[in-house]
Amino acid sequence: MRNDSNSIYTMLNVSGVLIAYAMLAGSLYYAPVDFSTKGYWAMGILLLTISLINTVKYRLDDRNSEDRISKLEAAKAENILAEYVVEKDK
């Protein structure tokens, strides 16, 4: 069930991004400004996209790292408790 809902949200987000890029491309094409100004706008859009992708990637990597660390700490604590119980039983 979780994968289905994630794929639906992912498809919705991808379609939203594609629509936004199509609207931006249309506004760049029909804007009554010089070609050089359109180039600057296009570069800004491209750099913003790259920055957003990097931000999401680094936040995801950070979250995964924190999850791994918490799992290691939980396993270490469980191991210490298990050794303590075994020593108490002797």
C-alpha atoms as a PDB file:
ATOM      1  CA  MET A   1       0.000   0.000   0.000  1.00  0.00           C
ATOM      2  CA  ARG A   2       2.788   2.409   0.873  1.00  0.00           C
ATOM      3  CA  ASN A   3       4.561   2.014  -2.480  1.00  0.00           C
ATOM      4  CA  ASP A   4       1.331   2.704  -4.365  1.00  0.00           C
ATOM      5  CA  SER A   5       0.690   5.932  -2.481  1.00  0.00           C
ATOM      6  CA  ASN A   6       4.307   7.008  -2.906  1.00  0.00           C
ATOM      7  CA  SER A   7       4.168   6.345  -6.635  1.00  0.00           C
ATOM      8  CA  ILE A   8       0.948   8.368  -6.900  1.00  0.00           C
ATOM      9  CA  TYR A   9       2.508  11.313  -5.058  1.00  0.00           C
ATOM     10  CA  THR A  10       5.669  11.005  -7.124  1.00  0.00           C
ATOM     11  CA  MET A  11       3.682  10.975 -10.367  1.00  0.00           C
ATOM     12  CA  LEU A  12       1.683  14.004  -9.202  1.00  0.00           C
ATOM     13  CA  ASN A  13       4.855  15.916  -8.308  1.00  0.00           C
ATOM     14  CA  VAL A  14       6.586  15.027 -11.573  1.00  0.00           C
ATOM     15  CA  SER A  15       3.576  16.138 -13.585  1.00  0.00           C
ATOM     16  CA  GLY A  16       3.468  19.405 -11.612  1.00  0.00           C
ATOM     17  CA  VAL A  17       7.139  20.047 -12.311  1.00  0.00           C
ATOM     18  CA  LEU A  18       6.680  19.303 -16.015  1.00  0.00           C
ATOM     19  CA  ILE A  19       3.691  21.651 -16.216  1.00  0.00           C
ATOM     20  CA  ALA A  20       5.659  24.365 -14.406  1.00  0.00           C
ATOM     21  CA  TYR A  21       8.585  23.994 -16.821  1.00  0.00           C
ATOM     22  CA  ALA A  22       6.218  24.102 -19.804  1.00  0.00           C
ATOM     23  CA  MET A  23       4.650  27.311 -18.458  1.00  0.00           C
ATOM     24  CA  LEU A  24       8.095  28.815 -17.825  1.00  0.00           C
ATOM     25  CA  ALA A  25       9.195  27.885 -21.340  1.00  0.00           C
ATOM     26  CA  GLY A  26       6.073  29.501 -22.744  1.00  0.00           C
ATOM     27  CA  SER A  27       6.607  32.659 -20.754  1.00  0.00           C
ATOM     28  CA  LEU A  28      10.230  32.826 -21.898  1.00  0.00           C
ATOM     29  CA  TYR A  29       9.228  32.299 -25.517  1.00  0.00           C
ATOM     30  CA  TYR A  30       6.481  34.929 -25.521  1.00  0.00           C
ATOM     31  CA  ALA A  31       8.199  37.505 -23.298  1.00  0.00           C
ATOM     32  CA  PRO A  32       8.747  40.806 -25.102  1.00  0.00           C
ATOM     33  CA  VAL A  33      12.409  41.122 -24.077  1.00  0.00           C
ATOM     34  CA  ASP A  34      15.792  40.639 -25.751  1.00  0.00           C
ATOM     35  CA  PHE A  35      17.150  37.169 -26.376  1.00  0.00           C
ATOM     36  CA  SER A  36      20.007  37.796 -23.933  1.00  0.00           C
ATOM     37  CA  THR A  37      17.524  38.542 -21.141  1.00  0.00           C
ATOM     38  CA  LYS A  38      15.687  35.318 -21.922  1.00  0.00           C
ATOM     39  CA  GLY A  39      19.029  33.509 -21.667  1.00  0.00           C
ATOM     40  CA  TYR A  40      19.658  34.951 -18.214  1.00  0.00           C
ATOM     41  CA  TRP A  41      16.184  33.898 -17.109  1.00  0.00           C
ATOM     42  CA  ALA A  42      16.745  30.399 -18.481  1.00  0.00           C
ATOM     43  CA  MET A  43      20.098  30.122 -16.689  1.00  0.00           C
ATOM     44  CA  GLY A  44      18.444  31.238 -13.460  1.00  0.00           C
ATOM     45  CA  ILE A  45      15.754  28.593 -13.812  1.00  0.00           C
ATOM     46  CA  LEU A  46      18.364  25.920 -14.549  1.00  0.00           C
ATOM     47  CA  LEU A  47      20.545  26.907 -11.586  1.00  0.00           C
ATOM     48  CA  LEU A  48      17.525  27.019  -9.275  1.00  0.00           C
ATOM     49  CA  THR A  49      16.574  23.513 -10.393  1.00  0.00           C
ATOM     50  CA  ILE A  50      20.080  22.207  -9.729  1.00  0.00           C
ATOM     51  CA  SER A  51      20.119  23.857  -6.294  1.00  0.00           C
ATOM     52  CA  LEU A  52      16.773  22.343  -5.355  1.00  0.00           C
ATOM     53  CA  ILE A  53      17.862  18.870  -6.445  1.00  0.00           C
ATOM     54  CA  ASN A  54      21.074  19.159  -4.417  1.00  0.00           C
ATOM     55  CA  THR A  55      19.218  20.449  -1.359  1.00  0.00           C
ATOM     56  CA  VAL A  56      16.785  17.546  -1.424  1.00  0.00           C
ATOM     57  CA  LYS A  57      19.600  15.037  -1.978  1.00  0.00           C
ATOM     58  CA  TYR A  58      21.713  16.326   0.896  1.00  0.00           C
ATOM     59  CA  ARG A  59      18.716  16.457   3.260  1.00  0.00           C
ATOM     60  CA  LEU A  60      17.837  12.876   2.336  1.00  0.00           C
ATOM     61  CA  ASP A  61      21.438  11.738   2.835  1.00  0.00           C
ATOM     62  CA  ASP A  62      21.529  13.476   6.222  1.00  0.00           C
ATOM     63  CA  ARG A  63      18.282  11.831   7.303  1.00  0.00           C
ATOM     64  CA  ASN A  64      19.536   8.395   6.199  1.00  0.00           C
ATOM     65  CA  SER A  65      22.757   8.939   8.118  1.00  0.00           C
ATOM     66  CA  GLU A  66      20.851   9.887  11.276  1.00  0.00           C
ATOM     67  CA  ASP A  67      18.652   6.793  10.888  1.00  0.00           C
ATOM     68  CA  ARG A  68      21.696   4.535  10.571  1.00  0.00           C
ATOM     69  CA  ILE A  69      23.325   6.090  13.616  1.00  0.00           C
ATOM     70  CA  SER A  70      20.183   5.692  15.724  1.00  0.00           C
ATOM     71  CA  LYS A  71      19.849   2.042  14.634  1.00  0.00           C
ATOM     72  CA  LEU A  72      23.483   1.382  15.566  1.00  0.00           C
ATOM     73  CA  GLU A  73      22.996   3.026  18.957  1.00  0.00           C
ATOM     74  CA  ALA A  74      19.835   0.999  19.585  1.00  0.00           C
ATOM     75  CA  ALA A  75      21.618  -2.230  18.637  1.00  0.00           C
ATOM     76  CA  LYS A  76      24.535  -1.328  20.901  1.00  0.00           C
ATOM     77  CA  ALA A  77      22.194  -0.605  23.810  1.00  0.00           C
ATOM     78  CA  GLU A  78      20.325  -3.867  23.205  1.00  0.00           C
ATOM     79  CA  ASN A  79      23.614  -5.781  23.110  1.00  0.00           C
ATOM     80  CA  ILE A  80      24.745  -4.192  26.386  1.00  0.00           C
ATOM     81  CA  LEU A  81      21.419  -5.060  28.048  1.00  0.00           C
ATOM     82  CA  ALA A  82      21.580  -8.632  26.750  1.00  0.00           C
ATOM     83  CA  GLU A  83      25.127  -9.060  28.133  1.00  0.00           C
ATOM     84  CA  TYR A  84      24.014  -7.603  31.484  1.00  0.00           C
ATOM     85  CA  VAL A  85      21.108 -10.053  31.710  1.00  0.00           C
ATOM     86  CA  VAL A  86      23.356 -12.996  30.860  1.00  0.00           C
ATOM     87  CA  GLU A  87      25.868 -11.926  33.537  1.00  0.00           C
ATOM     88  CA  LYS A  88      23.083 -11.553  36.134  1.00  0.00           C
ATOM     89  CA  ASP A  89      21.788 -15.079  35.417  1.00  0.00           C
ATOM     90  CA  LYS A  90      25.198 -16.640  36.126  1.00  0.00           C
END
